[in-house]
Structures are given as C-alpha cells and as structure tokens.
Amino acid sequence: MYEFNGCTYRMFALGIAVKILFLRGSHQKKIVTKSPTLVGTP
C-alpha cells in the first residue's frame, strides 16, 4: 500500500511539474511574441 501511494504521488507530482513548465513556457512565448520591444529593452 505504501509503495503504491508513493508511486501514484510521484506520478502526480511529475504531472504537475510538467504542466507548470508547459504553462510557463507557453506564457513566456506569448509575452515574447506579444511585445518583443519590452523584452529587448533593459
């Protein structure tokens, strides 16, 4: 039972991490394509 819970928890955490990375990546791409001048200027 403990091993099963650990396995499911690990897969659950991995799925969340992948989703966060994917959302963050798409968000950054949106910002870059939306306003390249804002990103280029310091």
C-alpha atoms as a PDB file:
ATOM      1  CA  MET A   1       0.000   0.000   0.000  1.00  0.00           C
ATOM      2  CA  TYR A   2       2.779   2.427   0.909  1.00  0.00           C
ATOM      3  CA  GLU A   3       4.725   1.731  -2.285  1.00  0.00           C
ATOM      4  CA  PHE A   4       1.573   2.165  -4.362  1.00  0.00           C
ATOM      5  CA  ASN A   5       0.847   5.522  -2.711  1.00  0.00           C
ATOM      6  CA  GLY A   6       4.425   6.662  -3.264  1.00  0.00           C
ATOM      7  CA  CYS A   7       4.281   5.689  -6.922  1.00  0.00           C
ATOM      8  CA  THR A   8       0.993   7.490  -7.548  1.00  0.00           C
ATOM      9  CA  TYR A   9       2.221  10.542  -5.623  1.00  0.00           C
ATOM     10  CA  ARG A  10       5.408  10.625  -7.692  1.00  0.00           C
ATOM     11  CA  MET A  11       3.461  10.422 -10.959  1.00  0.00           C
ATOM     12  CA  PHE A  12       1.045  13.078  -9.674  1.00  0.00           C
ATOM     13  CA  ALA A  13       3.899  15.442  -8.752  1.00  0.00           C
ATOM     14  CA  LEU A  14       5.614  14.775 -12.083  1.00  0.00           C
ATOM     15  CA  GLY A  15       2.420  15.606 -13.970  1.00  0.00           C
ATOM     16  CA  ILE A  16       2.038  18.877 -12.057  1.00  0.00           C
ATOM     17  CA  ALA A  17       5.679  19.812 -12.716  1.00  0.00           C
ATOM     18  CA  VAL A  18       5.282  19.122 -16.437  1.00  0.00           C
ATOM     19  CA  LYS A  19       2.047  21.125 -16.546  1.00  0.00           C
ATOM     20  CA  ILE A  20       3.655  24.081 -14.737  1.00  0.00           C
ATOM     21  CA  LEU A  21       6.684  24.017 -17.049  1.00  0.00           C
ATOM     22  CA  PHE A  22       4.435  23.790 -20.111  1.00  0.00           C
ATOM     23  CA  LEU A  23       2.227  26.661 -18.941  1.00  0.00           C
ATOM     24  CA  ARG A  24       5.252  28.762 -18.016  1.00  0.00           C
ATOM     25  CA  GLY A  25       6.891  28.104 -21.399  1.00  0.00           C
ATOM     26  CA  SER A  26       3.752  28.994 -23.355  1.00  0.00           C
ATOM     27  CA  HIS A  27       3.290  32.115 -21.195  1.00  0.00           C
ATOM     28  CA  GLN A  28       6.856  33.278 -21.898  1.00  0.00           C
ATOM     29  CA  LYS A  29       6.376  32.632 -25.620  1.00  0.00           C
ATOM     30  CA  LYS A  30       3.182  34.696 -25.539  1.00  0.00           C
ATOM     31  CA  ILE A  31       4.991  37.598 -23.855  1.00  0.00           C
ATOM     32  CA  VAL A  32       7.897  37.440 -26.327  1.00  0.00           C
ATOM     33  CA  THR A  33       5.613  37.330 -29.374  1.00  0.00           C
ATOM     34  CA  LYS A  34       3.263  39.931 -27.875  1.00  0.00           C
ATOM     35  CA  SER A  35       5.819  42.634 -27.034  1.00  0.00           C
ATOM     36  CA  PRO A  36       9.358  41.981 -28.324  1.00  0.00           C
ATOM     37  CA  THR A  37      10.306  45.616 -27.729  1.00  0.00           C
ATOM     38  CA  LEU A  38       9.557  45.385 -23.999  1.00  0.00           C
ATOM     39  CA  VAL A  39      11.676  42.242 -23.700  1.00  0.00           C
ATOM     40  CA  GLY A  40      14.538  43.762 -25.736  1.00  0.00           C
ATOM     41  CA  THR A  41      14.775  46.986 -23.738  1.00  0.00           C
ATOM     42  CA  PRO A  42      16.517  46.745 -20.334  1.00  0.00           C
END
